[in-house]
C-alpha atoms as a PDB file:
ATOM      1  CA  MET A   1      59.016  -4.567 -52.870  1.00  0.00           C
ATOM      2  CA  ARG A   2      55.606  -5.917 -54.508  1.00  0.00           C
ATOM      3  CA  LEU A   3      53.824  -5.446 -51.256  1.00  0.00           C
ATOM      4  CA  CYS A   4      55.112  -1.802 -51.049  1.00  0.00           C
ATOM      5  CA  ALA A   5      54.466  -0.926 -54.417  1.00  0.00           C
ATOM      6  CA  TRP A   6      50.866  -2.077 -53.930  1.00  0.00           C
ATOM      7  CA  TYR A   7      50.561  -0.273 -50.915  1.00  0.00           C
ATOM      8  CA  LEU A   8      51.268   2.972 -52.497  1.00  0.00           C
ATOM      9  CA  TYR A   9      49.839   2.229 -55.908  1.00  0.00           C
ATOM     10  CA  GLY A  10      46.729   0.113 -55.009  1.00  0.00           C
ATOM     11  CA  GLU A  11      45.678   0.827 -51.689  1.00  0.00           C
ATOM     12  CA  LYS A  12      43.239   3.759 -51.388  1.00  0.00           C
ATOM     13  CA  HIS A  13      41.292   5.807 -49.013  1.00  0.00           C
ATOM     14  CA  ARG A  14      38.324   7.714 -50.878  1.00  0.00           C
ATOM     15  CA  GLY A  15      39.797   6.552 -54.237  1.00  0.00           C
ATOM     16  CA  TYR A  16      43.089   8.559 -53.498  1.00  0.00           C
ATOM     17  CA  ALA A  17      46.607   6.963 -51.926  1.00  0.00           C
ATOM     18  CA  LEU A  18      46.402   5.672 -48.589  1.00  0.00           C
ATOM     19  CA  ASN A  19      49.803   6.635 -47.581  1.00  0.00           C
ATOM     20  CA  PRO A  20      49.903  10.606 -46.661  1.00  0.00           C
ATOM     21  CA  VAL A  21      53.056  11.305 -48.071  1.00  0.00           C
ATOM     22  CA  ALA A  22      52.318   9.487 -51.391  1.00  0.00           C
ATOM     23  CA  ASN A  23      48.909  11.660 -51.433  1.00  0.00           C
ATOM     24  CA  PHE A  24      50.934  14.766 -50.932  1.00  0.00           C
ATOM     25  CA  HIS A  25      53.186  14.001 -53.683  1.00  0.00           C
ATOM     26  CA  LEU A  26      50.621  12.996 -56.171  1.00  0.00           C
ATOM     27  CA  GLN A  27      48.767  15.564 -55.652  1.00  0.00           C
ATOM     28  CA  ASN A  28      51.471  18.041 -56.489  1.00  0.00           C
ATOM     29  CA  GLY A  29      51.815  16.146 -59.609  1.00  0.00           C
ATOM     30  CA  SER A  30      54.908  13.749 -59.276  1.00  0.00           C
ATOM     31  CA  VAL A  31      55.419  10.384 -60.571  1.00  0.00           C
ATOM     32  CA  LEU A  32      55.866   7.318 -58.032  1.00  0.00           C
ATOM     33  CA  TRP A  33      59.387   6.808 -59.724  1.00  0.00           C
ATOM     34  CA  ARG A  34      61.027   4.082 -58.070  1.00  0.00           C
ATOM     35  CA  ILE A  35      60.907   1.719 -54.564  1.00  0.00           C
ATOM     36  CA  ASN A  36      64.543   1.534 -53.295  1.00  0.00           C
ATOM     37  CA  TRP A  37      65.176  -1.716 -51.252  1.00  0.00           C
ATOM     38  CA  MET A  38      67.309  -1.078 -48.088  1.00  0.00           C
ATOM     39  CA  GLY A  39      67.227   2.641 -49.118  1.00  0.00           C
ATOM     40  CA  ASP A  40      66.868   3.683 -45.563  1.00  0.00           C
ATOM     41  CA  THR A  41      68.964   1.508 -43.181  1.00  0.00           C
ATOM     42  CA  SER A  42      68.634   3.816 -40.211  1.00  0.00           C
ATOM     43  CA  PRO A  43      67.142   2.319 -36.993  1.00  0.00           C
ATOM     44  CA  ARG A  44      64.001   4.667 -37.728  1.00  0.00           C
ATOM     45  CA  GLY A  45      63.799   3.796 -41.552  1.00  0.00           C
ATOM     46  CA  ILE A  46      64.070  -0.036 -40.742  1.00  0.00           C
ATOM     47  CA  GLY A  47      61.043   0.305 -38.091  1.00  0.00           C
ATOM     48  CA  ALA A  48      59.129   2.570 -39.889  1.00  0.00           C
ATOM     49  CA  SER A  49      59.644   1.031 -43.745  1.00  0.00           C
ATOM     50  CA  CYS A  50      61.513  -1.835 -43.208  1.00  0.00           C
ATOM     51  CA  GLY A  51      64.281   0.137 -44.812  1.00  0.00           C
ATOM     52  CA  MET A  52      62.616   0.722 -48.144  1.00  0.00           C
ATOM     53  CA  MET A  53      62.622   4.400 -49.401  1.00  0.00           C
ATOM     54  CA  VAL A  54      60.376   5.714 -52.183  1.00  0.00           C
ATOM     55  CA  ASN A  55      61.399   8.386 -54.735  1.00  0.00           C
ATOM     56  CA  TYR A  56      58.809  10.492 -56.355  1.00  0.00           C
ATOM     57  CA  ARG A  57      59.990  12.408 -59.587  1.00  0.00           C
ATOM     58  CA  TYR A  58      58.847  15.829 -60.529  1.00  0.00           C
ATOM     59  CA  PHE A  59      58.732  16.444 -64.454  1.00  0.00           C
ATOM     60  CA  LEU A  60      58.117  20.116 -64.476  1.00  0.00           C
ATOM     61  CA  GLU A  61      56.344  20.102 -67.788  1.00  0.00           C
ATOM     62  CA  GLU A  62      53.950  17.213 -66.637  1.00  0.00           C
ATOM     63  CA  THR A  63      53.088  18.232 -63.090  1.00  0.00           C
ATOM     64  CA  ALA A  64      49.947  20.196 -63.857  1.00  0.00           C
ATOM     65  CA  SER A  65      48.503  17.308 -65.975  1.00  0.00           C
ATOM     66  CA  ASN A  66      49.660  14.787 -63.369  1.00  0.00           C
ATOM     67  CA  SER A  67      48.136  16.636 -60.757  1.00  0.00           C
ATOM     68  CA  ALA A  68      44.764  16.977 -62.575  1.00  0.00           C
ATOM     69  CA  ALA A  69      44.751  13.269 -63.378  1.00  0.00           C
ATOM     70  CA  TYR A  70      45.252  12.271 -59.728  1.00  0.00           C
ATOM     71  CA  LEU A  71      42.646  15.139 -58.102  1.00  0.00           C
ATOM     72  CA  GLY A  72      40.099  14.508 -61.044  1.00  0.00           C
ATOM     73  CA  SER A  73      40.224  10.637 -61.982  1.00  0.00           C
ATOM     74  CA  LYS A  74      42.379   9.592 -59.165  1.00  0.00           C
ATOM     75  CA  HIS A  75      44.992   8.143 -61.504  1.00  0.00           C
ATOM     76  CA  ILE A  76      48.391   7.614 -60.124  1.00  0.00           C
ATOM     77  CA  LYS A  77      51.233   8.147 -62.783  1.00  0.00           C
ATOM     78  CA  ALA A  78      53.803   5.448 -62.094  1.00  0.00           C
ATOM     79  CA  SER A  79      57.323   4.422 -63.691  1.00  0.00           C
ATOM     80  CA  GLU A  80      57.744   1.057 -65.289  1.00  0.00           C
ATOM     81  CA  GLN A  81      59.609  -0.174 -62.336  1.00  0.00           C
ATOM     82  CA  VAL A  82      56.819   0.472 -59.817  1.00  0.00           C
ATOM     83  CA  LEU A  83      53.919  -0.693 -62.195  1.00  0.00           C
ATOM     84  CA  ALA A  84      56.071  -4.037 -62.760  1.00  0.00           C
ATOM     85  CA  LEU A  85      56.225  -4.753 -59.226  1.00  0.00           C
ATOM     86  CA  VAL A  86      52.513  -3.882 -59.057  1.00  0.00           C
ATOM     87  CA  SER A  87      51.692  -6.496 -61.691  1.00  0.00           C
ATOM     88  CA  GLN A  88      53.871  -9.060 -59.809  1.00  0.00           C
ATOM     89  CA  PHE A  89      52.276  -8.359 -56.454  1.00  0.00           C
ATOM     90  CA  GLN A  90      48.483  -8.650 -58.223  1.00  0.00           C
ATOM     91  CA  GLN A  91      49.808 -12.024 -60.206  1.00  0.00           C
ATOM     92  CA  ASN A  92      50.942 -13.711 -56.802  1.00  0.00           C
ATOM     93  CA  SER A  93      48.714 -12.208 -54.331  1.00  0.00           C
ATOM     94  CA  LYS A  94      45.699 -14.005 -52.547  1.00  0.00           C
ATOM     95  CA  LEU A  95      44.011 -11.177 -51.477  1.00  0.00           C
END
């Protein structure tokens, strides 16, 4: 889960999220909200994402500012759960 959080939050292509689905939602002003372990146990979900599922949450009053922050300064808005996983990854990673 830590690696998934880092992939979605920290891995970039030209400063934007590397993952195309994450990039889509973040451009539209969402918050990288939650990573769910074994959220998709279908054969396709296991094969494509090791069963993990990500939730993006849209707070309507914040979508415009989140989108502007992402497109302008490439800042990803994320929940405390995701940021904690990113922090744990950074502390334990040898990358």
